[in-house]
């Protein structure tokens, strides 16, 4: 992984990053049409672009490049057995009728995903990143309410049924804010 240098002072730049598992291309394509239907039905939510769909293992936030390299070196040594993943039905985070996040849960692979997330969390702590306070809840984020307090969610169609796939490879991603939603770049992939 390359660390960009700040032209003034030679300091490494700060990178907004996360660790996650990307979805297979066919899954992203099938979910793309579904997301468009949801976007039309629920405009009070910012719907994820299909190309950005992923299962987050650990959101890192802004991290200096040197610390990110230390984390990447540690993640390179992480070994895991491949495991089956399968998406299930819709869920939400929020209170009562006011929804903040719309997501798809997992019907297979959640335990293994949580185990991998715990291993990534341990590597993050070893690299000097602050501990994640919230318990890990494996899910695929589809949308966030435009208003911070949340919004009412209309009835949505059920998501398409997708075939299971084998997980195990994961990546370190860079997230850059953009007008149409964040742009993600894989900084490095890890075979697991």
C-alpha atoms as a PDB file:
ATOM      1  CA  UNK A   1       0.000   0.000   0.000  1.00  0.00           C
ATOM      2  CA  UNK A   2       1.351   3.394  -0.938  1.00  0.00           C
ATOM      3  CA  UNK A   3       1.186   6.269   1.519  1.00  0.00           C
ATOM      4  CA  UNK A   4       0.742   9.645  -0.103  1.00  0.00           C
ATOM      5  CA  UNK A   5       2.911  12.448   1.174  1.00  0.00           C
ATOM      6  CA  UNK A   6       1.720  15.933   1.961  1.00  0.00           C
ATOM      7  CA  UNK A   7       3.745  18.317  -0.228  1.00  0.00           C
ATOM      8  CA  UNK A   8       4.230  20.649   2.754  1.00  0.00           C
ATOM      9  CA  UNK A   9       6.236  19.165   5.584  1.00  0.00           C
ATOM     10  CA  UNK A  10       6.446  15.596   4.227  1.00  0.00           C
ATOM     11  CA  UNK A  11       3.672  14.318   6.525  1.00  0.00           C
ATOM     12  CA  UNK A  12       1.486  11.417   5.480  1.00  0.00           C
ATOM     13  CA  UNK A  13      -2.048  12.396   4.545  1.00  0.00           C
ATOM     14  CA  UNK A  14      -5.151  11.467   6.496  1.00  0.00           C
ATOM     15  CA  UNK A  15      -7.309   8.883   4.752  1.00  0.00           C
ATOM     16  CA  UNK A  16     -10.968   8.140   5.536  1.00  0.00           C
ATOM     17  CA  UNK A  17     -11.083   4.360   5.480  1.00  0.00           C
ATOM     18  CA  UNK A  18     -12.878   1.140   6.372  1.00  0.00           C
ATOM     19  CA  UNK A  19     -12.336  -2.612   6.163  1.00  0.00           C
ATOM     20  CA  UNK A  20     -14.987  -4.588   4.317  1.00  0.00           C
ATOM     21  CA  UNK A  21     -16.011  -7.425   2.027  1.00  0.00           C
ATOM     22  CA  UNK A  22     -17.196  -6.513  -1.438  1.00  0.00           C
ATOM     23  CA  UNK A  23     -20.168  -8.217  -3.047  1.00  0.00           C
ATOM     24  CA  UNK A  24     -19.832 -10.275  -6.218  1.00  0.00           C
ATOM     25  CA  UNK A  25     -20.417  -8.267  -9.397  1.00  0.00           C
ATOM     26  CA  UNK A  26     -23.578 -10.240 -10.235  1.00  0.00           C
ATOM     27  CA  UNK A  27     -25.046  -9.417  -6.812  1.00  0.00           C
ATOM     28  CA  UNK A  28     -24.267  -5.716  -7.198  1.00  0.00           C
ATOM     29  CA  UNK A  29     -25.892  -5.729 -10.641  1.00  0.00           C
ATOM     30  CA  UNK A  30     -29.074  -7.426  -9.394  1.00  0.00           C
ATOM     31  CA  UNK A  31     -29.275  -5.131  -6.390  1.00  0.00           C
ATOM     32  CA  UNK A  32     -28.727  -2.086  -8.643  1.00  0.00           C
ATOM     33  CA  UNK A  33     -32.218  -2.314 -10.129  1.00  0.00           C
ATOM     34  CA  UNK A  34     -33.684  -2.940  -6.705  1.00  0.00           C
ATOM     35  CA  UNK A  35     -31.959   0.150  -5.325  1.00  0.00           C
ATOM     36  CA  UNK A  36     -33.358   2.263  -8.181  1.00  0.00           C
ATOM     37  CA  UNK A  37     -36.901   1.099  -7.332  1.00  0.00           C
ATOM     38  CA  UNK A  38     -36.289   1.901  -3.658  1.00  0.00           C
ATOM     39  CA  UNK A  39     -34.821   5.318  -4.540  1.00  0.00           C
ATOM     40  CA  UNK A  40     -38.026   6.194  -6.403  1.00  0.00           C
ATOM     41  CA  UNK A  41     -40.238   4.887  -3.570  1.00  0.00           C
ATOM     42  CA  UNK A  42     -38.297   6.520  -0.708  1.00  0.00           C
ATOM     43  CA  UNK A  43     -36.633   9.793  -1.788  1.00  0.00           C
ATOM     44  CA  UNK A  44     -36.088  10.849   1.849  1.00  0.00           C
ATOM     45  CA  UNK A  45     -33.193   8.370   1.944  1.00  0.00           C
ATOM     46  CA  UNK A  46     -29.751   8.422   0.319  1.00  0.00           C
ATOM     47  CA  UNK A  47     -29.530   5.051  -1.440  1.00  0.00           C
ATOM     48  CA  UNK A  48     -26.119   3.444  -1.883  1.00  0.00           C
ATOM     49  CA  UNK A  49     -24.816   3.132  -5.428  1.00  0.00           C
ATOM     50  CA  UNK A  50     -24.678  -0.531  -6.457  1.00  0.00           C
ATOM     51  CA  UNK A  51     -20.938  -0.324  -7.103  1.00  0.00           C
ATOM     52  CA  UNK A  52     -20.373   0.694  -3.472  1.00  0.00           C
ATOM     53  CA  UNK A  53     -22.240  -2.206  -1.854  1.00  0.00           C
ATOM     54  CA  UNK A  54     -20.121  -4.021   0.718  1.00  0.00           C
ATOM     55  CA  UNK A  55     -20.285  -5.681   4.123  1.00  0.00           C
ATOM     56  CA  UNK A  56     -18.409  -3.470   6.579  1.00  0.00           C
ATOM     57  CA  UNK A  57     -16.107  -5.258   8.992  1.00  0.00           C
ATOM     58  CA  UNK A  58     -14.769  -2.104  10.666  1.00  0.00           C
ATOM     59  CA  UNK A  59     -15.293   1.591   9.920  1.00  0.00           C
ATOM     60  CA  UNK A  60     -12.017   3.372  10.651  1.00  0.00           C
ATOM     61  CA  UNK A  61     -12.825   7.012   9.936  1.00  0.00           C
ATOM     62  CA  UNK A  62      -9.940   9.412   9.257  1.00  0.00           C
ATOM     63  CA  UNK A  63      -6.579   7.661   9.792  1.00  0.00           C
ATOM     64  CA  UNK A  64      -3.099   8.960   9.058  1.00  0.00           C
ATOM     65  CA  UNK A  65      -1.353   7.085   6.262  1.00  0.00           C
ATOM     66  CA  UNK A  66       1.455   5.729   8.464  1.00  0.00           C
ATOM     67  CA  UNK A  67      -0.988   4.167  10.943  1.00  0.00           C
ATOM     68  CA  UNK A  68      -3.012   2.771   8.034  1.00  0.00           C
ATOM     69  CA  UNK A  69       0.142   1.084   6.710  1.00  0.00           C
ATOM     70  CA  UNK A  70       0.757  -0.484  10.139  1.00  0.00           C
ATOM     71  CA  UNK A  71      -2.815  -1.818  10.086  1.00  0.00           C
ATOM     72  CA  UNK A  72      -2.438  -3.108   6.515  1.00  0.00           C
ATOM     73  CA  UNK A  73       0.758  -4.969   7.455  1.00  0.00           C
ATOM     74  CA  UNK A  74      -1.100  -6.634  10.316  1.00  0.00           C
ATOM     75  CA  UNK A  75      -4.110  -7.507   8.136  1.00  0.00           C
ATOM     76  CA  UNK A  76      -1.790  -9.174   5.602  1.00  0.00           C
ATOM     77  CA  UNK A  77      -0.932 -11.752   8.279  1.00  0.00           C
ATOM     78  CA  UNK A  78      -4.558 -12.492   9.163  1.00  0.00           C
ATOM     79  CA  UNK A  79      -5.666 -15.949   8.023  1.00  0.00           C
ATOM     80  CA  UNK A  80      -9.257 -17.121   7.868  1.00  0.00           C
ATOM     81  CA  UNK A  81     -11.070 -20.047   6.343  1.00  0.00           C
ATOM     82  CA  UNK A  82     -13.429 -19.183   3.472  1.00  0.00           C
ATOM     83  CA  UNK A  83     -17.113 -19.293   4.449  1.00  0.00           C
ATOM     84  CA  UNK A  84     -20.520 -19.096   2.786  1.00  0.00           C
ATOM     85  CA  UNK A  85     -22.444 -15.814   2.864  1.00  0.00           C
ATOM     86  CA  UNK A  86     -26.070 -15.315   1.920  1.00  0.00           C
ATOM     87  CA  UNK A  87     -28.190 -12.177   2.123  1.00  0.00           C
ATOM     88  CA  UNK A  88     -31.696 -12.299   3.599  1.00  0.00           C
ATOM     89  CA  UNK A  89     -34.457  -9.771   4.182  1.00  0.00           C
ATOM     90  CA  UNK A  90     -34.754  -6.065   4.888  1.00  0.00           C
ATOM     91  CA  UNK A  91     -34.169  -4.512   8.277  1.00  0.00           C
ATOM     92  CA  UNK A  92     -33.873  -1.015   9.697  1.00  0.00           C
ATOM     93  CA  UNK A  93     -32.121   0.912  12.435  1.00  0.00           C
ATOM     94  CA  UNK A  94     -34.101   3.644  14.141  1.00  0.00           C
ATOM     95  CA  UNK A  95     -36.936   4.106  16.571  1.00  0.00           C
ATOM     96  CA  UNK A  96     -40.497   3.056  15.812  1.00  0.00           C
ATOM     97  CA  UNK A  97     -41.628   4.640  12.537  1.00  0.00           C
ATOM     98  CA  UNK A  98     -38.556   6.881  12.222  1.00  0.00           C
ATOM     99  CA  UNK A  99     -35.852   5.016  10.308  1.00  0.00           C
ATOM    100  CA  UNK A 100     -32.213   6.094  10.077  1.00  0.00           C
ATOM    101  CA  UNK A 101     -30.724   3.154   8.107  1.00  0.00           C
ATOM    102  CA  UNK A 102     -32.176   0.539   5.748  1.00  0.00           C
ATOM    103  CA  UNK A 103     -30.226  -2.692   5.409  1.00  0.00           C
ATOM    104  CA  UNK A 104     -30.306  -6.332   4.312  1.00  0.00           C
ATOM    105  CA  UNK A 105     -29.398  -8.951   6.896  1.00  0.00           C
ATOM    106  CA  UNK A 106     -27.607 -12.233   6.458  1.00  0.00           C
ATOM    107  CA  UNK A 107     -29.159 -15.683   6.639  1.00  0.00           C
ATOM    108  CA  UNK A 108     -25.784 -17.434   6.319  1.00  0.00           C
ATOM    109  CA  UNK A 109     -22.280 -16.418   7.330  1.00  0.00           C
ATOM    110  CA  UNK A 110     -23.159 -13.932  10.071  1.00  0.00           C
ATOM    111  CA  UNK A 111     -21.250 -15.831  12.760  1.00  0.00           C
ATOM    112  CA  UNK A 112     -18.158 -16.173  10.589  1.00  0.00           C
ATOM    113  CA  UNK A 113     -18.402 -12.537   9.553  1.00  0.00           C
ATOM    114  CA  UNK A 114     -18.583 -11.493  13.216  1.00  0.00           C
ATOM    115  CA  UNK A 115     -15.534 -13.652  13.955  1.00  0.00           C
ATOM    116  CA  UNK A 116     -13.615 -11.962  11.116  1.00  0.00           C
ATOM    117  CA  UNK A 117     -14.763  -8.530  12.326  1.00  0.00           C
ATOM    118  CA  UNK A 118     -13.452  -9.367  15.828  1.00  0.00           C
ATOM    119  CA  UNK A 119     -10.068 -10.349  14.359  1.00  0.00           C
ATOM    120  CA  UNK A 120      -9.966  -7.091  12.353  1.00  0.00           C
ATOM    121  CA  UNK A 121     -10.948  -5.146  15.490  1.00  0.00           C
ATOM    122  CA  UNK A 122      -8.037  -6.715  17.402  1.00  0.00           C
ATOM    123  CA  UNK A 123      -5.660  -5.688  14.594  1.00  0.00           C
ATOM    124  CA  UNK A 124      -7.072  -2.149  14.671  1.00  0.00           C
ATOM    125  CA  UNK A 125      -6.435  -1.889  18.410  1.00  0.00           C
ATOM    126  CA  UNK A 126      -2.884  -3.247  17.955  1.00  0.00           C
ATOM    127  CA  UNK A 127      -2.321  -0.518  15.335  1.00  0.00           C
ATOM    128  CA  UNK A 128      -3.339   2.107  17.911  1.00  0.00           C
ATOM    129  CA  UNK A 129      -6.822   2.897  16.604  1.00  0.00           C
ATOM    130  CA  UNK A 130      -9.554   3.602  19.165  1.00  0.00           C
ATOM    131  CA  UNK A 131     -11.753   0.620  20.049  1.00  0.00           C
ATOM    132  CA  UNK A 132     -15.152   0.300  18.421  1.00  0.00           C
ATOM    133  CA  UNK A 133     -17.732   0.884  21.150  1.00  0.00           C
ATOM    134  CA  UNK A 134     -20.742  -0.669  19.419  1.00  0.00           C
ATOM    135  CA  UNK A 135     -21.206  -4.422  19.102  1.00  0.00           C
ATOM    136  CA  UNK A 136     -20.758  -5.773  15.589  1.00  0.00           C
ATOM    137  CA  UNK A 137     -24.020  -6.315  13.692  1.00  0.00           C
ATOM    138  CA  UNK A 138     -23.423  -7.901  10.263  1.00  0.00           C
ATOM    139  CA  UNK A 139     -25.580  -6.276   7.559  1.00  0.00           C
ATOM    140  CA  UNK A 140     -25.492  -4.729   4.094  1.00  0.00           C
ATOM    141  CA  UNK A 141     -26.356  -1.018   4.295  1.00  0.00           C
ATOM    142  CA  UNK A 142     -28.697   0.093   1.502  1.00  0.00           C
ATOM    143  CA  UNK A 143     -29.669   3.630   2.557  1.00  0.00           C
ATOM    144  CA  UNK A 144     -29.417   6.322   5.212  1.00  0.00           C
ATOM    145  CA  UNK A 145     -32.055   8.925   5.982  1.00  0.00           C
ATOM    146  CA  UNK A 146     -31.272  12.365   4.590  1.00  0.00           C
ATOM    147  CA  UNK A 147     -32.305  13.900   7.928  1.00  0.00           C
ATOM    148  CA  UNK A 148     -30.083  12.985  10.863  1.00  0.00           C
ATOM    149  CA  UNK A 149     -33.079  12.195  13.105  1.00  0.00           C
ATOM    150  CA  UNK A 150     -34.428   9.755  10.488  1.00  0.00           C
ATOM    151  CA  UNK A 151     -37.472   9.592   8.229  1.00  0.00           C
ATOM    152  CA  UNK A 152     -40.604   7.568   7.662  1.00  0.00           C
ATOM    153  CA  UNK A 153     -39.978   4.629   5.365  1.00  0.00           C
ATOM    154  CA  UNK A 154     -42.723   3.642   2.923  1.00  0.00           C
ATOM    155  CA  UNK A 155     -43.406   0.001   2.138  1.00  0.00           C
ATOM    156  CA  UNK A 156     -40.562  -1.333  -0.004  1.00  0.00           C
ATOM    157  CA  UNK A 157     -40.553  -4.370  -2.278  1.00  0.00           C
ATOM    158  CA  UNK A 158     -38.652  -7.376  -0.947  1.00  0.00           C
ATOM    159  CA  UNK A 159     -35.028  -7.543  -2.093  1.00  0.00           C
ATOM    160  CA  UNK A 160     -34.127 -10.026  -4.839  1.00  0.00           C
ATOM    161  CA  UNK A 161     -33.105 -13.503  -3.742  1.00  0.00           C
ATOM    162  CA  UNK A 162     -29.409 -13.881  -4.387  1.00  0.00           C
ATOM    163  CA  UNK A 163     -27.278 -16.993  -4.462  1.00  0.00           C
ATOM    164  CA  UNK A 164     -24.849 -17.638  -1.607  1.00  0.00           C
ATOM    165  CA  UNK A 165     -21.199 -16.828  -2.266  1.00  0.00           C
ATOM    166  CA  UNK A 166     -17.900 -17.673  -0.626  1.00  0.00           C
ATOM    167  CA  UNK A 167     -16.407 -14.966   1.568  1.00  0.00           C
ATOM    168  CA  UNK A 168     -12.986 -14.779   3.097  1.00  0.00           C
ATOM    169  CA  UNK A 169     -11.209 -12.179   1.009  1.00  0.00           C
ATOM    170  CA  UNK A 170     -11.615  -8.657   2.358  1.00  0.00           C
ATOM    171  CA  UNK A 171     -10.221  -5.238   1.633  1.00  0.00           C
ATOM    172  CA  UNK A 172      -9.006  -1.970   3.058  1.00  0.00           C
ATOM    173  CA  UNK A 173     -11.041   0.764   1.384  1.00  0.00           C
ATOM    174  CA  UNK A 174     -10.620   4.509   1.025  1.00  0.00           C
ATOM    175  CA  UNK A 175     -13.818   6.567   1.172  1.00  0.00           C
ATOM    176  CA  UNK A 176     -13.938   9.991  -0.472  1.00  0.00           C
ATOM    177  CA  UNK A 177     -17.027  12.168  -0.124  1.00  0.00           C
ATOM    178  CA  UNK A 178     -18.570  13.100  -3.476  1.00  0.00           C
ATOM    179  CA  UNK A 179     -21.745  14.976  -4.506  1.00  0.00           C
ATOM    180  CA  UNK A 180     -23.563  11.797  -5.633  1.00  0.00           C
ATOM    181  CA  UNK A 181     -22.398   9.753  -2.636  1.00  0.00           C
ATOM    182  CA  UNK A 182     -19.031   8.562  -1.403  1.00  0.00           C
ATOM    183  CA  UNK A 183     -16.544   7.065  -3.858  1.00  0.00           C
ATOM    184  CA  UNK A 184     -14.734   3.950  -2.630  1.00  0.00           C
ATOM    185  CA  UNK A 185     -11.322   2.764  -3.725  1.00  0.00           C
ATOM    186  CA  UNK A 186      -9.769  -0.538  -2.667  1.00  0.00           C
ATOM    187  CA  UNK A 187      -6.357   0.309  -1.225  1.00  0.00           C
ATOM    188  CA  UNK A 188      -5.428  -3.320  -0.679  1.00  0.00           C
ATOM    189  CA  UNK A 189      -7.108  -6.718  -0.776  1.00  0.00           C
ATOM    190  CA  UNK A 190      -6.343  -9.504   1.652  1.00  0.00           C
ATOM    191  CA  UNK A 191      -6.861 -13.155   0.783  1.00  0.00           C
ATOM    192  CA  UNK A 192      -7.718 -14.146   4.349  1.00  0.00           C
END
